[in-house]
Amino acid sequence: MADSIVVPALGKPAMEFVDRVLKCNDCGAEFVFTAGEQLFFHDKQFKNDPKHCKQCKAKRASGGRVRSETRTTCSACGMETTVPFKPTQGRPVLCRACFQKQIKGIPVPPVDPAIPPVS
């Protein structure tokens, strides 16, 4: 069932927005351009209809890439952790807890490789 919104315009005949089915330029899937979305586009004075479905729009917003996780050991507490980047040799890597402590200004001493980590 298609929704419909009628909007009176000053000095112009009322505009009616009705749900429309559009085709995504990326994946070719059909998606609904709702009357409410059309009203939003009209209010923002957008001239073009959307070209991408919600899934493809979300993929484009994230850059279309999946963030890789790297397993490593925290330089401060020695616990195993994952980080969203490839660590550079010689630079410390902190787990979330130690990183938060560092942000709050709490000193985080480097781990001594001779002392085993506390579990």
C-alpha atoms as a PDB file:
ATOM      1  CA  MET A   1       0.000   0.000   0.000  1.00  0.00           C
ATOM      2  CA  ALA A   2       1.484   3.313  -1.087  1.00  0.00           C
ATOM      3  CA  ASP A   3       1.528   6.219   1.334  1.00  0.00           C
ATOM      4  CA  SER A   4       0.681   9.697   0.181  1.00  0.00           C
ATOM      5  CA  ILE A   5       1.426  13.140   1.616  1.00  0.00           C
ATOM      6  CA  VAL A   6      -0.189  16.356   0.348  1.00  0.00           C
ATOM      7  CA  VAL A   7       1.755  19.560   0.983  1.00  0.00           C
ATOM      8  CA  PRO A   8       0.235  22.985   0.310  1.00  0.00           C
ATOM      9  CA  ALA A   9       2.755  25.399  -1.192  1.00  0.00           C
ATOM     10  CA  LEU A  10       2.405  29.161  -0.867  1.00  0.00           C
ATOM     11  CA  GLY A  11       0.927  30.586  -4.051  1.00  0.00           C
ATOM     12  CA  LYS A  12       1.204  27.219  -5.829  1.00  0.00           C
ATOM     13  CA  PRO A  13      -1.071  24.221  -6.169  1.00  0.00           C
ATOM     14  CA  ALA A  14      -0.682  21.557  -3.453  1.00  0.00           C
ATOM     15  CA  MET A  15       2.057  19.011  -4.098  1.00  0.00           C
ATOM     16  CA  GLU A  16       1.328  15.343  -3.542  1.00  0.00           C
ATOM     17  CA  PHE A  17       4.077  12.904  -2.689  1.00  0.00           C
ATOM     18  CA  VAL A  18       3.412   9.212  -3.293  1.00  0.00           C
ATOM     19  CA  ASP A  19       5.727   6.266  -2.548  1.00  0.00           C
ATOM     20  CA  ARG A  20       7.768   5.434  -5.668  1.00  0.00           C
ATOM     21  CA  VAL A  21       9.918   2.438  -6.539  1.00  0.00           C
ATOM     22  CA  LEU A  22      13.427   3.317  -7.754  1.00  0.00           C
ATOM     23  CA  LYS A  23      16.316   1.148  -8.951  1.00  0.00           C
ATOM     24  CA  CYS A  24      19.725   1.248  -7.205  1.00  0.00           C
ATOM     25  CA  ASN A  25      22.610   2.291  -9.497  1.00  0.00           C
ATOM     26  CA  ASP A  26      25.070   0.009  -7.654  1.00  0.00           C
ATOM     27  CA  CYS A  27      23.297  -3.316  -7.074  1.00  0.00           C
ATOM     28  CA  GLY A  28      20.244  -2.956  -9.339  1.00  0.00           C
ATOM     29  CA  ALA A  29      17.804  -3.762  -6.505  1.00  0.00           C
ATOM     30  CA  GLU A  30      14.513  -1.913  -6.325  1.00  0.00           C
ATOM     31  CA  PHE A  31      13.882   0.261  -3.275  1.00  0.00           C
ATOM     32  CA  VAL A  32      11.013   2.473  -2.139  1.00  0.00           C
ATOM     33  CA  PHE A  33      11.436   6.248  -2.136  1.00  0.00           C
ATOM     34  CA  THR A  34       8.747   6.974   0.445  1.00  0.00           C
ATOM     35  CA  ALA A  35       6.426   9.968   0.439  1.00  0.00           C
ATOM     36  CA  GLY A  36       8.059  11.101   3.701  1.00  0.00           C
ATOM     37  CA  GLU A  37      11.538  10.923   2.149  1.00  0.00           C
ATOM     38  CA  GLN A  38      10.280  12.877  -0.868  1.00  0.00           C
ATOM     39  CA  LEU A  39       8.865  15.542   1.455  1.00  0.00           C
ATOM     40  CA  PHE A  40      12.252  15.728   3.214  1.00  0.00           C
ATOM     41  CA  PHE A  41      14.031  16.068  -0.166  1.00  0.00           C
ATOM     42  CA  HIS A  42      11.536  18.793  -1.172  1.00  0.00           C
ATOM     43  CA  ASP A  43      12.021  20.702   2.113  1.00  0.00           C
ATOM     44  CA  LYS A  44      15.820  20.569   1.697  1.00  0.00           C
ATOM     45  CA  GLN A  45      15.414  21.657  -1.940  1.00  0.00           C
ATOM     46  CA  PHE A  46      17.231  18.562  -3.235  1.00  0.00           C
ATOM     47  CA  LYS A  47      16.723  18.329  -7.002  1.00  0.00           C
ATOM     48  CA  ASN A  48      17.703  14.682  -7.650  1.00  0.00           C
ATOM     49  CA  ASP A  49      16.120  11.441  -6.484  1.00  0.00           C
ATOM     50  CA  PRO A  50      18.316   9.047  -4.480  1.00  0.00           C
ATOM     51  CA  LYS A  51      20.419   6.744  -6.663  1.00  0.00           C
ATOM     52  CA  HIS A  52      21.341   4.058  -4.104  1.00  0.00           C
ATOM     53  CA  CYS A  53      19.405   1.697  -1.813  1.00  0.00           C
ATOM     54  CA  LYS A  54      19.972   1.924   1.942  1.00  0.00           C
ATOM     55  CA  GLN A  55      22.420  -1.017   1.970  1.00  0.00           C
ATOM     56  CA  CYS A  56      24.600   0.430  -0.810  1.00  0.00           C
ATOM     57  CA  LYS A  57      24.421   3.886   0.772  1.00  0.00           C
ATOM     58  CA  ALA A  58      25.664   2.425   4.077  1.00  0.00           C
ATOM     59  CA  LYS A  59      28.447   0.550   2.268  1.00  0.00           C
ATOM     60  CA  ARG A  60      29.536   3.779   0.540  1.00  0.00           C
ATOM     61  CA  ALA A  61      29.479   5.688   3.854  1.00  0.00           C
ATOM     62  CA  SER A  62      31.819   3.152   5.450  1.00  0.00           C
ATOM     63  CA  GLY A  63      34.158   3.343   2.473  1.00  0.00           C
ATOM     64  CA  GLY A  64      33.160  -0.136   1.373  1.00  0.00           C
ATOM     65  CA  ARG A  65      35.930  -1.691   3.383  1.00  0.00           C
ATOM     66  CA  VAL A  66      35.934  -3.893   6.419  1.00  0.00           C
ATOM     67  CA  ARG A  67      38.208  -2.807   9.223  1.00  0.00           C
ATOM     68  CA  SER A  68      40.809  -5.464   9.970  1.00  0.00           C
ATOM     69  CA  GLU A  69      41.703  -6.421  13.514  1.00  0.00           C
ATOM     70  CA  THR A  70      45.261  -7.360  14.498  1.00  0.00           C
ATOM     71  CA  ARG A  71      46.034  -9.546  17.531  1.00  0.00           C
ATOM     72  CA  THR A  72      48.895  -8.200  19.631  1.00  0.00           C
ATOM     73  CA  THR A  73      50.131  -7.819  23.202  1.00  0.00           C
ATOM     74  CA  CYS A  74      49.547  -4.634  25.208  1.00  0.00           C
ATOM     75  CA  SER A  75      52.824  -2.777  25.807  1.00  0.00           C
ATOM     76  CA  ALA A  76      51.685  -1.679  29.288  1.00  0.00           C
ATOM     77  CA  CYS A  77      49.980  -4.644  30.950  1.00  0.00           C
ATOM     78  CA  GLY A  78      51.120  -7.526  28.725  1.00  0.00           C
ATOM     79  CA  MET A  79      47.582  -8.800  28.074  1.00  0.00           C
ATOM     80  CA  GLU A  80      46.670 -10.104  24.618  1.00  0.00           C
ATOM     81  CA  THR A  81      44.375  -7.678  22.758  1.00  0.00           C
ATOM     82  CA  THR A  82      43.152  -6.763  19.285  1.00  0.00           C
ATOM     83  CA  VAL A  83      43.660  -3.378  17.653  1.00  0.00           C
ATOM     84  CA  PRO A  84      42.060  -1.909  14.498  1.00  0.00           C
ATOM     85  CA  PHE A  85      45.422  -1.197  12.821  1.00  0.00           C
ATOM     86  CA  LYS A  86      48.726  -2.833  11.946  1.00  0.00           C
ATOM     87  CA  PRO A  87      51.178  -2.028  14.774  1.00  0.00           C
ATOM     88  CA  THR A  88      54.437  -0.319  13.768  1.00  0.00           C
ATOM     89  CA  GLN A  89      57.607  -1.838  15.157  1.00  0.00           C
ATOM     90  CA  GLY A  90      59.053   0.188  18.004  1.00  0.00           C
ATOM     91  CA  ARG A  91      55.783   1.962  18.868  1.00  0.00           C
ATOM     92  CA  PRO A  92      53.799   0.942  21.971  1.00  0.00           C
ATOM     93  CA  VAL A  93      50.388  -0.706  21.507  1.00  0.00           C
ATOM     94  CA  LEU A  94      47.868  -0.403  24.336  1.00  0.00           C
ATOM     95  CA  CYS A  95      44.771  -2.447  25.164  1.00  0.00           C
ATOM     96  CA  ARG A  96      41.519  -0.542  25.618  1.00  0.00           C
ATOM     97  CA  ALA A  97      41.852  -0.296  29.427  1.00  0.00           C
ATOM     98  CA  CYS A  98      45.434   1.021  29.320  1.00  0.00           C
ATOM     99  CA  PHE A  99      44.560   3.402  26.480  1.00  0.00           C
ATOM    100  CA  GLN A 100      41.660   4.830  28.528  1.00  0.00           C
ATOM    101  CA  LYS A 101      43.970   5.261  31.539  1.00  0.00           C
ATOM    102  CA  GLN A 102      46.480   7.131  29.364  1.00  0.00           C
ATOM    103  CA  ILE A 103      43.752   9.444  28.020  1.00  0.00           C
ATOM    104  CA  LYS A 104      42.674  10.259  31.592  1.00  0.00           C
ATOM    105  CA  GLY A 105      46.264  11.197  32.447  1.00  0.00           C
ATOM    106  CA  ILE A 106      47.002   8.140  34.577  1.00  0.00           C
ATOM    107  CA  PRO A 107      50.593   7.042  33.903  1.00  0.00           C
ATOM    108  CA  VAL A 108      50.846   3.637  32.220  1.00  0.00           C
ATOM    109  CA  PRO A 109      54.277   2.050  32.813  1.00  0.00           C
ATOM    110  CA  PRO A 110      55.652  -0.168  30.026  1.00  0.00           C
ATOM    111  CA  VAL A 111      55.579  -3.899  30.706  1.00  0.00           C
ATOM    112  CA  ASP A 112      58.811  -5.643  31.670  1.00  0.00           C
ATOM    113  CA  PRO A 113      59.158  -8.692  29.396  1.00  0.00           C
ATOM    114  CA  ALA A 114      60.880 -10.585  32.258  1.00  0.00           C
ATOM    115  CA  ILE A 115      57.731 -10.362  34.441  1.00  0.00           C
ATOM    116  CA  PRO A 116      54.758 -12.507  33.286  1.00  0.00           C
ATOM    117  CA  PRO A 117      51.433 -10.677  32.756  1.00  0.00           C
ATOM    118  CA  VAL A 118      48.828 -10.717  35.542  1.00  0.00           C
ATOM    119  CA  SER A 119      45.717 -12.705  34.587  1.00  0.00           C
END
